[in-house]
Protein backbone atom coordinates (compact mmCIF):
# COMPACT_ATOMS: atom_id res chain seq x y z
CA MET A 1 32.17 97.90 -137.23
CA ALA A 2 30.62 100.93 -135.55
CA ASP A 3 32.81 103.98 -135.04
CA SER A 4 33.71 104.26 -131.33
CA ARG A 5 33.04 107.98 -131.62
CA ASP A 6 29.34 107.11 -131.97
CA GLU A 7 29.36 105.80 -128.40
CA PRO A 8 28.26 108.25 -125.69
CA LEU A 9 30.97 110.46 -124.21
CA VAL A 10 30.10 111.11 -120.56
CA LEU A 11 31.81 112.89 -117.67
CA GLY A 12 31.11 111.53 -114.19
CA ILE A 13 31.47 113.29 -110.83
CA GLU A 14 31.75 111.38 -107.55
CA THR A 15 31.76 113.15 -104.16
CA SER A 16 29.91 110.78 -101.84
CA CYS A 17 32.66 110.69 -99.21
CA ASP A 18 36.24 111.99 -99.01
CA GLU A 19 37.41 111.65 -102.60
CA THR A 20 36.67 114.04 -105.45
CA GLY A 21 36.52 111.77 -108.47
CA VAL A 22 36.05 112.86 -112.09
CA GLY A 23 35.99 110.26 -114.86
CA ILE A 24 35.40 110.44 -118.59
CA VAL A 25 34.11 107.43 -120.49
CA ARG A 26 33.29 106.80 -124.13
CA GLY A 27 30.89 103.87 -124.18
CA THR A 28 32.73 101.29 -122.10
CA THR A 29 36.18 102.76 -122.71
CA LEU A 30 37.82 104.70 -119.90
CA LEU A 31 39.50 107.89 -121.15
CA ALA A 32 40.30 109.63 -117.86
CA ASP A 33 40.10 108.91 -114.14
CA ALA A 34 41.18 111.88 -112.02
CA VAL A 35 40.94 111.72 -108.23
CA ALA A 36 41.72 114.26 -105.53
CA SER A 37 41.63 112.65 -102.09
CA SER A 38 41.32 114.40 -98.74
CA VAL A 39 42.16 111.24 -96.77
CA ASP A 40 45.28 112.81 -95.23
CA GLU A 41 43.15 115.61 -93.77
CA HIS A 42 40.96 113.04 -92.00
CA ALA A 43 43.74 110.75 -90.78
CA ARG A 44 44.36 112.67 -87.56
CA PHE A 45 40.69 112.27 -86.63
CA GLY A 46 40.73 108.52 -87.25
CA GLY A 47 37.84 108.77 -89.71
CA VAL A 48 36.12 110.96 -92.26
CA VAL A 49 34.88 114.35 -91.01
CA PRO A 50 31.92 115.40 -93.21
CA GLU A 51 32.58 119.15 -93.08
CA VAL A 52 36.25 118.69 -93.92
CA ALA A 53 35.29 116.46 -96.85
CA SER A 54 32.79 118.98 -98.20
CA ARG A 55 35.28 121.85 -98.11
CA ALA A 56 37.91 119.69 -99.79
CA HIS A 57 35.47 118.88 -102.61
CA LEU A 58 34.81 122.59 -103.16
CA GLU A 59 38.52 123.29 -103.52
CA ALA A 60 39.27 120.29 -105.73
CA MET A 61 36.26 120.23 -108.06
CA VAL A 62 37.24 122.57 -110.91
CA PRO A 63 40.94 121.56 -111.02
CA THR A 64 39.99 117.86 -111.05
CA ILE A 65 37.50 118.35 -113.89
CA GLU A 66 40.10 120.28 -115.88
CA ARG A 67 42.65 117.54 -115.27
CA ALA A 68 40.24 114.84 -116.44
CA LEU A 69 39.37 116.71 -119.64
CA LYS A 70 43.04 117.24 -120.40
CA GLU A 71 43.86 113.58 -119.71
CA ALA A 72 41.02 112.43 -121.98
CA GLY A 73 41.99 114.87 -124.71
CA VAL A 74 38.42 116.10 -125.15
CA SER A 75 36.56 119.38 -124.80
CA ALA A 76 33.67 119.73 -122.38
CA ARG A 77 31.54 120.81 -125.33
CA ASP A 78 32.09 117.35 -126.88
CA LEU A 79 30.35 115.62 -123.98
CA ASP A 80 27.03 113.85 -124.51
CA GLY A 81 26.08 114.07 -120.86
CA ILE A 82 27.21 114.70 -117.30
CA ALA A 83 26.56 112.14 -114.59
CA VAL A 84 26.88 112.69 -110.85
CA THR A 85 26.43 110.65 -107.70
CA ALA A 86 23.13 111.78 -106.17
CA GLY A 87 23.37 109.34 -103.23
CA PRO A 88 23.81 107.58 -100.95
CA GLY A 89 26.67 109.27 -99.09
CA LEU A 90 27.49 112.26 -96.92
CA ALA A 91 24.84 114.92 -97.55
CA GLY A 92 27.18 117.91 -97.70
CA ALA A 93 29.72 116.15 -99.87
CA LEU A 94 27.00 114.97 -102.28
CA LEU A 95 25.62 118.49 -102.58
CA VAL A 96 28.96 119.81 -103.79
CA GLY A 97 29.07 117.26 -106.59
CA VAL A 98 25.42 117.66 -107.58
CA SER A 99 25.73 121.46 -107.65
CA ALA A 100 28.85 121.31 -109.80
CA ALA A 101 27.29 118.82 -112.22
CA LYS A 102 24.16 120.94 -112.61
CA ALA A 103 26.23 124.05 -113.26
CA TYR A 104 28.36 122.39 -115.94
CA ALA A 105 25.37 120.67 -117.55
CA TYR A 106 23.36 123.88 -117.71
CA ALA A 107 26.26 126.00 -118.97
CA LEU A 108 27.18 123.49 -121.67
CA GLY A 109 23.64 122.55 -122.66
CA LYS A 110 24.14 118.89 -121.80
CA PRO A 111 21.76 116.37 -120.18
CA LEU A 112 22.26 115.67 -116.49
CA TYR A 113 22.08 112.20 -114.92
CA GLY A 114 21.88 111.76 -111.16
CA VAL A 115 22.99 108.19 -110.45
CA ASN A 116 23.22 105.83 -107.50
CA HIS A 117 26.61 105.32 -105.87
CA LEU A 118 26.13 101.58 -105.36
CA ALA A 119 24.88 100.94 -108.88
CA SER A 120 27.93 102.84 -110.14
CA HIS A 121 30.21 100.48 -108.22
CA ILE A 122 28.67 97.61 -110.16
CA CYS A 123 28.72 99.32 -113.55
CA VAL A 124 32.42 100.23 -113.35
CA ASP A 125 33.31 96.62 -114.09
CA GLN A 126 32.19 97.20 -117.67
CA LEU A 127 35.26 99.37 -118.16
CA GLU A 128 37.51 96.38 -117.49
CA HIS A 129 35.62 93.22 -118.41
CA GLY A 130 33.02 94.38 -120.93
CA ALA A 131 29.25 94.43 -120.74
CA LEU A 132 27.72 93.11 -117.54
CA PRO A 133 25.86 89.80 -117.81
CA GLU A 134 22.17 90.05 -117.08
CA PRO A 135 21.47 89.14 -114.38
CA THR A 136 24.61 89.91 -112.35
CA MET A 137 25.14 89.18 -108.66
CA ALA A 138 27.15 91.91 -106.97
CA LEU A 139 28.89 91.91 -103.60
CA LEU A 140 29.67 95.51 -102.65
CA VAL A 141 31.94 96.03 -99.66
CA SER A 142 33.23 99.39 -98.45
CA GLY A 143 33.49 101.63 -95.43
CA GLY A 144 29.78 102.38 -95.55
CA HIS A 145 28.25 99.40 -97.30
CA SER A 146 28.24 95.61 -97.27
CA SER A 147 25.54 94.54 -99.69
CA LEU A 148 24.47 91.66 -101.90
CA LEU A 149 22.63 92.96 -104.96
CA LEU A 150 21.02 91.28 -107.95
CA SER A 151 20.81 93.36 -111.13
CA SER A 152 18.97 92.41 -114.29
CA ASP A 153 19.44 95.91 -115.78
CA ILE A 154 22.00 98.21 -114.16
CA THR A 155 20.09 101.31 -115.29
CA SER A 156 16.69 100.36 -113.92
CA ASP A 157 16.59 97.14 -111.90
CA VAL A 158 18.86 96.51 -108.92
CA ARG A 159 17.36 94.32 -106.19
CA PRO A 160 18.90 94.16 -102.69
CA LEU A 161 19.16 90.63 -101.28
CA GLY A 162 21.09 91.43 -98.13
CA ALA A 163 23.03 94.16 -96.34
CA THR A 164 24.90 94.89 -93.16
CA ILE A 165 22.72 95.32 -90.08
CA ASP A 166 25.42 97.23 -88.19
CA ASP A 167 29.07 97.92 -89.07
CA ALA A 168 30.07 97.60 -92.72
CA ALA A 169 33.17 95.55 -93.49
CA GLY A 170 35.33 98.57 -94.26
CA GLU A 171 34.19 100.29 -91.09
CA ALA A 172 35.25 97.26 -89.07
CA PHE A 173 38.69 97.33 -90.72
CA ASP A 174 39.10 101.00 -89.75
CA LYS A 175 38.06 100.39 -86.14
CA ILE A 176 40.36 97.41 -85.63
CA ALA A 177 43.25 99.30 -87.20
CA ARG A 178 42.59 102.07 -84.70
CA VAL A 179 42.65 99.60 -81.78
CA LEU A 180 45.95 98.22 -83.10
CA ASN A 181 47.32 101.77 -83.54
CA LEU A 182 47.89 101.19 -87.24
CA GLY A 183 46.40 104.46 -88.49
CA PHE A 184 43.70 105.37 -91.00
CA PRO A 185 42.42 104.10 -93.38
CA GLY A 186 42.55 100.63 -91.87
CA GLY A 187 41.87 98.37 -94.85
CA PRO A 188 45.19 98.66 -96.71
CA VAL A 189 47.37 98.50 -93.58
CA ILE A 190 45.59 95.46 -92.12
CA ASP A 191 45.85 93.74 -95.50
CA ARG A 192 49.57 94.42 -95.50
CA TYR A 193 50.17 93.09 -91.96
CA ALA A 194 47.91 90.09 -92.56
CA ARG A 195 50.14 88.83 -95.37
CA GLU A 196 52.78 88.01 -92.76
CA GLY A 197 50.36 86.58 -90.18
CA ASP A 198 48.53 83.31 -89.57
CA PRO A 199 44.82 83.52 -90.47
CA ASN A 200 44.12 80.51 -88.23
CA ALA A 201 46.01 81.79 -85.18
CA ILE A 202 42.90 83.14 -83.43
CA ALA A 203 39.34 81.81 -83.78
CA PHE A 204 37.36 85.01 -84.16
CA PRO A 205 33.56 84.71 -84.62
CA ARG A 206 31.69 84.70 -87.94
CA GLY A 207 28.58 86.84 -87.54
CA LEU A 208 25.15 85.78 -88.84
CA THR A 209 26.28 82.38 -90.10
CA GLY A 210 23.99 80.21 -87.98
CA PRO A 211 21.24 78.06 -89.54
CA ARG A 212 18.50 80.44 -88.35
CA ASP A 213 20.31 83.67 -89.26
CA PRO A 214 19.39 85.76 -92.33
CA ALA A 215 21.02 84.10 -95.32
CA TYR A 216 22.38 87.20 -97.00
CA ASP A 217 22.68 89.85 -94.27
CA PHE A 218 25.99 90.79 -92.65
CA SER A 219 27.04 91.79 -89.14
CA PHE A 220 30.58 92.79 -88.19
CA SER A 221 29.91 94.61 -84.93
CA GLY A 222 30.25 91.45 -82.84
CA LEU A 223 33.47 90.51 -84.60
CA LYS A 224 34.86 93.99 -84.03
CA THR A 225 34.03 93.80 -80.33
CA ALA A 226 35.53 90.29 -80.00
CA VAL A 227 38.80 91.39 -81.61
CA ALA A 228 39.00 94.56 -79.50
CA ARG A 229 38.42 92.60 -76.27
CA TRP A 230 41.03 90.01 -77.25
CA ILE A 231 43.57 92.78 -77.80
CA GLU A 232 42.63 94.51 -74.54
CA ALA A 233 43.03 91.25 -72.61
CA LYS A 234 46.52 90.75 -74.02
CA ARG A 235 47.53 94.28 -73.08
CA ALA A 236 46.00 93.98 -69.60
CA ALA A 237 48.08 90.86 -69.03
CA GLY A 238 51.19 92.74 -70.08
CA GLU A 239 51.63 90.55 -73.16
CA GLU A 240 52.68 91.72 -76.58
CA VAL A 241 49.86 91.83 -79.13
CA PRO A 242 50.76 89.76 -82.24
CA VAL A 243 49.64 92.42 -84.71
CA ARG A 244 50.22 90.28 -87.81
CA ASP A 245 48.30 87.28 -86.50
CA VAL A 246 45.46 89.45 -85.22
CA SER A 247 45.26 91.22 -88.59
CA ALA A 248 45.27 87.94 -90.51
CA SER A 249 42.71 86.24 -88.25
CA PHE A 250 40.38 89.24 -88.24
CA GLN A 251 40.65 89.66 -91.99
CA GLU A 252 39.96 85.96 -92.54
CA ALA A 253 36.80 86.17 -90.44
CA VAL A 254 35.52 89.07 -92.56
CA VAL A 255 36.28 87.65 -96.00
CA ASP A 256 35.11 84.16 -95.02
CA VAL A 257 31.62 85.49 -94.30
CA LEU A 258 31.53 87.79 -97.33
CA THR A 259 32.52 85.15 -99.86
CA ARG A 260 30.47 82.37 -98.27
CA LYS A 261 27.25 84.39 -98.47
CA ALA A 262 27.98 85.71 -101.96
CA VAL A 263 28.52 82.24 -103.40
CA ARG A 264 25.41 80.99 -101.63
CA ALA A 265 23.36 83.81 -103.15
CA CYS A 266 24.63 82.96 -106.64
CA LYS A 267 23.64 79.32 -106.18
CA ASP A 268 20.23 80.13 -104.71
CA GLU A 269 19.39 82.61 -107.49
CA GLY A 270 20.85 80.52 -110.30
CA VAL A 271 23.36 83.21 -111.29
CA ASP A 272 26.71 82.11 -112.68
CA HIS A 273 28.51 85.48 -112.41
CA LEU A 274 29.68 87.29 -109.28
CA MET A 275 30.97 90.84 -109.38
CA ILE A 276 32.77 92.27 -106.34
CA GLY A 277 33.16 96.02 -105.94
CA GLY A 278 33.68 98.76 -103.37
CA GLY A 279 36.84 99.79 -101.56
CA VAL A 280 37.26 96.52 -99.64
CA ALA A 281 37.28 94.67 -102.99
CA ALA A 282 40.89 95.85 -103.24
CA ASN A 283 41.73 93.51 -100.34
CA SER A 284 44.09 90.79 -101.56
CA ARG A 285 42.69 88.00 -99.35
CA LEU A 286 39.09 88.76 -100.35
CA ARG A 287 40.06 88.48 -104.01
CA ALA A 288 41.96 85.23 -103.49
CA LEU A 289 39.28 83.50 -101.40
CA ALA A 290 36.50 84.67 -103.72
CA GLN A 291 38.37 83.27 -106.71
CA GLU A 292 38.92 79.95 -104.93
CA ARG A 293 35.30 79.55 -103.89
CA CYS A 294 33.85 80.75 -107.20
CA GLU A 295 35.98 78.29 -109.15
CA ALA A 296 34.83 75.46 -106.90
CA ALA A 297 31.19 76.46 -107.46
CA GLY A 298 31.47 77.02 -111.21
CA ILE A 299 30.88 80.76 -110.88
CA ARG A 300 32.72 83.32 -112.98
CA LEU A 301 34.26 86.05 -110.82
CA ARG A 302 34.59 89.65 -112.01
CA VAL A 303 36.58 92.09 -109.90
CA PRO A 304 37.82 95.44 -111.28
CA ARG A 305 41.42 96.45 -110.68
CA PRO A 306 41.92 98.00 -107.22
CA LYS A 307 41.87 101.63 -108.40
CA LEU A 308 38.40 101.15 -109.87
CA CYS A 309 37.12 99.49 -106.68
CA THR A 310 37.56 102.57 -104.51
CA ASP A 311 35.34 105.63 -105.03
CA ASN A 312 36.06 107.27 -108.39
CA GLY A 313 34.45 109.32 -111.12
CA ALA A 314 34.98 106.61 -113.73
CA MET A 315 32.26 104.44 -112.19
CA VAL A 316 29.78 107.32 -112.30
CA ALA A 317 30.68 108.08 -115.91
CA ALA A 318 30.29 104.38 -116.78
CA LEU A 319 26.73 104.30 -115.44
CA GLY A 320 25.97 107.64 -117.05
CA ALA A 321 27.16 106.34 -120.43
CA GLU A 322 24.91 103.32 -120.02
CA MET A 323 21.99 105.65 -119.27
CA VAL A 324 22.64 107.56 -122.48
CA ALA A 325 23.12 104.38 -124.53
CA ARG A 326 19.80 102.96 -123.28
CA ASN A 327 17.94 106.26 -123.77
CA ARG A 328 17.06 106.63 -120.11
CA PRO A 329 15.44 109.97 -119.23
CA ALA A 330 17.74 112.69 -117.97
CA SER A 331 17.33 114.09 -114.47
CA SER A 332 15.41 117.28 -113.75
CA TRP A 333 17.10 120.54 -112.85
CA ASP A 334 15.67 120.18 -109.36
CA LEU A 335 17.85 117.10 -108.81
CA SER A 336 19.08 117.07 -105.22
CA ALA A 337 21.39 114.96 -103.10
CA ASP A 338 19.83 112.09 -101.18
CA SER A 339 22.09 110.70 -98.47
CA SER A 340 19.93 107.57 -98.17
CA LEU A 341 19.07 107.02 -101.85
CA PRO A 342 17.97 103.37 -102.13
CA VAL A 343 19.87 101.14 -104.52
CA THR A 344 16.55 100.25 -106.12
CA ASP A 345 16.85 103.70 -107.74
CA PRO A 346 19.90 103.27 -110.04
CA HIS A 347 19.33 106.81 -111.26
CA VAL A 348 17.08 109.73 -110.48
CA PRO A 349 15.06 110.61 -113.58
CA GLY A 350 12.79 113.56 -114.17
CA THR A 351 11.47 115.82 -116.85
CA ASP A 352 13.71 115.58 -119.88
CA HIS A 353 15.53 118.92 -119.95
CA SER A 354 16.02 119.01 -123.70
CA HIS A 355 17.91 121.78 -125.42
CA ASP A 356 14.78 123.83 -126.01
CA HIS A 357 15.08 125.10 -122.45
CA VAL A 358 18.81 124.83 -121.87
CA HIS A 359 20.82 127.83 -122.93
CA GLU A 360 24.53 127.49 -123.47
CA VAL A 361 26.59 130.15 -121.76
CA SER A 362 28.68 131.99 -124.31
CA LYS A 363 31.96 132.89 -122.67
CA GLU A 364 35.37 132.88 -124.26
CA ASN A 365 36.93 131.30 -121.18
CA LEU A 366 34.37 128.46 -121.02
CA TYR A 367 35.70 125.17 -122.36
CA SER A 368 35.90 125.46 -126.12
């Protein structure tokens, strides 16, 4: 049996939105997952403010890296590489992470890997359920993305089958929570209220499910508008809004469409595995309905535990470790953030910056 210490030890940095995530992975084993969230700073605005997020990343970066190294019980000099989310995401927030990763990689003489946020969300499942089957169908649902992706190699081949054409699922959750005065973020609170409501109480629409609609694309803008108007009509009539039933009916409309299209894609592509990731994958009803429909279709469902579904550094480290294990080229020193990096680019390669032109900084206070 191979010594686990022979597997690549990689630190991952994630700053695509409002959470500073730093993870450390050895092969497919998670050693540390440190997160510093600025969600409370955004709550009063009802959504993420890019400048606030960027400043929060600057303040949290070094302490979060130090916490991750301590939790993992390793020295930064032991690392085999440093991975960082290069996109997609908020430009300013991404730049903080990329700059930090480049600084650490250069100072320590380690290879740098700029990776794709969406591909990382898929790869994180390896930390819980082992190596990804090839091919793997992935349904990624979050505040910024609702995508169906087919991956035959998570480090080099991720093919988009469908995506949202307007609001992402998580964005719709946030907006309906705001209309219901439930606060931010909306996903967890709507999930909580929905557990006590009737999902069949109100017949909200299912977007893009007609016979002539795109098979794998999503649209939640119409649903969001329908729910908001229903609530407004109740209030205008002086009636009490049944928050629990509205939450349950809205949530059911979202997860019905998501799971229906995901299972259809698996059948059409002949794939017998479905992986669900992204922040909305923590939703209890999405998990339950996906399990029910996958079992009926003979599809094996893989969903990471909720903490690994939301943005985190562990997912970036997981993809970085896979890059090292498969001898993918490291990124160039001119790596930059790309807020619209396509998922077809799982990582951003470049000239291999081998140690012949990387000089370790010799300082007593640098991680030893």
